[in-house]
Amino acid sequence: MMEISNTLHPEIDSSFWDEFEGEFMASSMDDLVDRFLPIYKNHLSLEELQGIIKFYKTPVGKKLIEKTPLIMQESMELGKAWGQEISETALRKLKEKGY
């Protein structure tokens, strides 16, 4: 996010974004965890969460953590292409029906 902001606003010294990112990461992550906590408590028990943590410490869990960003990126690209195909099909059918 900071890299994008820096690119979109080249007039702002990059040191601002570096400093802001440091402050943000230090305080906002705790805030974010506090906000997510009730959601997890509503759906998972402490025992289940401990099992999930245990899983993420395994080699397979570590690999999943490593690969998830790539999986998400590729999935988003696939979803975008799929949505485009659906839109094109709908527009073609509308045109065929005279709309």
C-alpha atoms as a PDB file:
ATOM      1  CA  MET A   1       0.000   0.000   0.000  1.00  0.00           C
ATOM      2  CA  MET A   2       2.798   2.383   0.900  1.00  0.00           C
ATOM      3  CA  GLU A   3       4.617   1.695  -2.372  1.00  0.00           C
ATOM      4  CA  ILE A   4       1.459   2.512  -4.329  1.00  0.00           C
ATOM      5  CA  SER A   5       0.929   5.710  -2.334  1.00  0.00           C
ATOM      6  CA  ASN A   6       4.538   6.693  -2.942  1.00  0.00           C
ATOM      7  CA  THR A   7       4.086   6.093  -6.692  1.00  0.00           C
ATOM      8  CA  LEU A   8       0.787   7.980  -6.854  1.00  0.00           C
ATOM      9  CA  HIS A   9       2.190  10.930  -4.898  1.00  0.00           C
ATOM     10  CA  PRO A  10       5.793  11.426  -6.010  1.00  0.00           C
ATOM     11  CA  GLU A  11       5.717  14.942  -4.585  1.00  0.00           C
ATOM     12  CA  ILE A  12       5.659  13.463  -1.071  1.00  0.00           C
ATOM     13  CA  ASP A  13       9.086  12.528   0.247  1.00  0.00           C
ATOM     14  CA  SER A  14       9.462   8.752   0.503  1.00  0.00           C
ATOM     15  CA  SER A  15      10.733   9.122   4.081  1.00  0.00           C
ATOM     16  CA  PHE A  16       7.180  10.126   5.069  1.00  0.00           C
ATOM     17  CA  TRP A  17       5.827   6.808   3.800  1.00  0.00           C
ATOM     18  CA  ASP A  18       8.626   4.859   5.494  1.00  0.00           C
ATOM     19  CA  GLU A  19       7.937   6.576   8.823  1.00  0.00           C
ATOM     20  CA  PHE A  20       4.168   6.204   8.448  1.00  0.00           C
ATOM     21  CA  GLU A  21       4.482   2.521   7.608  1.00  0.00           C
ATOM     22  CA  GLY A  22       6.589   1.955  10.716  1.00  0.00           C
ATOM     23  CA  GLU A  23       4.031   3.686  12.934  1.00  0.00           C
ATOM     24  CA  PHE A  24       1.160   1.909  11.217  1.00  0.00           C
ATOM     25  CA  MET A  25       2.680  -1.549  11.586  1.00  0.00           C
ATOM     26  CA  ALA A  26       3.534  -0.944  15.249  1.00  0.00           C
ATOM     27  CA  SER A  27       0.076   0.142  16.378  1.00  0.00           C
ATOM     28  CA  SER A  28      -2.440  -0.874  13.760  1.00  0.00           C
ATOM     29  CA  MET A  29      -1.692  -4.587  13.773  1.00  0.00           C
ATOM     30  CA  ASP A  30      -2.643  -4.830  17.450  1.00  0.00           C
ATOM     31  CA  ASP A  31      -5.772  -2.801  16.719  1.00  0.00           C
ATOM     32  CA  LEU A  32      -6.657  -5.065  13.808  1.00  0.00           C
ATOM     33  CA  VAL A  33      -6.196  -8.195  15.924  1.00  0.00           C
ATOM     34  CA  ASP A  34      -8.469  -6.696  18.604  1.00  0.00           C
ATOM     35  CA  ARG A  35     -11.127  -6.047  15.968  1.00  0.00           C
ATOM     36  CA  PHE A  36     -10.911  -9.560  14.494  1.00  0.00           C
ATOM     37  CA  LEU A  37     -10.878 -11.341  17.845  1.00  0.00           C
ATOM     38  CA  PRO A  38     -14.682 -11.284  18.431  1.00  0.00           C
ATOM     39  CA  ILE A  39     -15.273 -12.713  14.951  1.00  0.00           C
ATOM     40  CA  TYR A  40     -12.945 -15.641  15.602  1.00  0.00           C
ATOM     41  CA  LYS A  41     -14.463 -16.160  19.062  1.00  0.00           C
ATOM     42  CA  ASN A  42     -17.914 -16.432  17.453  1.00  0.00           C
ATOM     43  CA  HIS A  43     -16.833 -19.199  15.105  1.00  0.00           C
ATOM     44  CA  LEU A  44     -13.930 -21.090  16.660  1.00  0.00           C
ATOM     45  CA  SER A  45     -13.137 -22.442  20.107  1.00  0.00           C
ATOM     46  CA  LEU A  46      -9.819 -21.861  21.841  1.00  0.00           C
ATOM     47  CA  GLU A  47      -9.005 -25.521  21.253  1.00  0.00           C
ATOM     48  CA  GLU A  48      -9.692 -25.164  17.531  1.00  0.00           C
ATOM     49  CA  LEU A  49      -7.554 -22.029  17.301  1.00  0.00           C
ATOM     50  CA  GLN A  50      -4.722 -23.821  19.087  1.00  0.00           C
ATOM     51  CA  GLY A  51      -5.024 -26.647  16.546  1.00  0.00           C
ATOM     52  CA  ILE A  52      -4.850 -24.153  13.683  1.00  0.00           C
ATOM     53  CA  ILE A  53      -1.752 -22.549  15.192  1.00  0.00           C
ATOM     54  CA  LYS A  54      -0.197 -25.984  15.605  1.00  0.00           C
ATOM     55  CA  PHE A  55      -0.948 -26.735  11.941  1.00  0.00           C
ATOM     56  CA  TYR A  56       0.689 -23.505  10.765  1.00  0.00           C
ATOM     57  CA  LYS A  57       3.866 -24.526  12.588  1.00  0.00           C
ATOM     58  CA  THR A  58       4.124 -27.727  10.515  1.00  0.00           C
ATOM     59  CA  PRO A  59       6.003 -27.849   7.186  1.00  0.00           C
ATOM     60  CA  VAL A  60       2.705 -28.020   5.273  1.00  0.00           C
ATOM     61  CA  GLY A  61       1.277 -25.114   7.275  1.00  0.00           C
ATOM     62  CA  LYS A  62       4.407 -23.049   6.650  1.00  0.00           C
ATOM     63  CA  LYS A  63       4.164 -23.814   2.938  1.00  0.00           C
ATOM     64  CA  LEU A  64       0.518 -22.739   2.932  1.00  0.00           C
ATOM     65  CA  ILE A  65       1.488 -19.437   4.576  1.00  0.00           C
ATOM     66  CA  GLU A  66       4.214 -18.939   1.978  1.00  0.00           C
ATOM     67  CA  LYS A  67       2.038 -19.826  -1.023  1.00  0.00           C
ATOM     68  CA  THR A  68      -1.241 -18.166   0.002  1.00  0.00           C
ATOM     69  CA  PRO A  69      -0.387 -14.733  -1.476  1.00  0.00           C
ATOM     70  CA  LEU A  70       0.457 -16.338  -4.825  1.00  0.00           C
ATOM     71  CA  ILE A  71      -2.664 -18.499  -4.720  1.00  0.00           C
ATOM     72  CA  MET A  72      -4.790 -15.436  -3.945  1.00  0.00           C
ATOM     73  CA  GLN A  73      -3.187 -13.393  -6.729  1.00  0.00           C
ATOM     74  CA  GLU A  74      -3.630 -16.132  -9.311  1.00  0.00           C
ATOM     75  CA  SER A  75      -7.193 -16.770  -8.110  1.00  0.00           C
ATOM     76  CA  MET A  76      -8.071 -13.089  -8.436  1.00  0.00           C
ATOM     77  CA  GLU A  77      -6.660 -12.987 -11.954  1.00  0.00           C
ATOM     78  CA  LEU A  78      -8.625 -16.099 -12.869  1.00  0.00           C
ATOM     79  CA  GLY A  79     -11.810 -14.646 -11.362  1.00  0.00           C
ATOM     80  CA  LYS A  80     -11.327 -11.402 -13.263  1.00  0.00           C
ATOM     81  CA  ALA A  81     -10.877 -13.273 -16.562  1.00  0.00           C
ATOM     82  CA  TRP A  82     -13.891 -15.465 -15.809  1.00  0.00           C
ATOM     83  CA  GLY A  83     -16.031 -12.419 -15.028  1.00  0.00           C
ATOM     84  CA  GLN A  84     -14.910 -10.796 -18.266  1.00  0.00           C
ATOM     85  CA  GLU A  85     -15.917 -13.911 -20.217  1.00  0.00           C
ATOM     86  CA  ILE A  86     -19.353 -13.924 -18.575  1.00  0.00           C
ATOM     87  CA  SER A  87     -19.816 -10.218 -19.369  1.00  0.00           C
ATOM     88  CA  GLU A  88     -18.831 -10.757 -22.988  1.00  0.00           C
ATOM     89  CA  THR A  89     -21.206 -13.713 -23.294  1.00  0.00           C
ATOM     90  CA  ALA A  90     -24.072 -11.708 -21.782  1.00  0.00           C
ATOM     91  CA  LEU A  91     -23.405  -8.771 -24.106  1.00  0.00           C
ATOM     92  CA  ARG A  92     -23.242 -11.089 -27.126  1.00  0.00           C
ATOM     93  CA  LYS A  93     -26.555 -12.731 -26.191  1.00  0.00           C
ATOM     94  CA  LEU A  94     -28.175  -9.334 -25.624  1.00  0.00           C
ATOM     95  CA  LYS A  95     -26.990  -8.220 -29.040  1.00  0.00           C
ATOM     96  CA  GLU A  96     -28.345 -11.422 -30.614  1.00  0.00           C
ATOM     97  CA  LYS A  97     -31.743 -10.694 -29.056  1.00  0.00           C
ATOM     98  CA  GLY A  98     -31.715  -7.166 -30.436  1.00  0.00           C
ATOM     99  CA  TYR A  99     -30.927  -5.205 -27.296  1.00  0.00           C
END
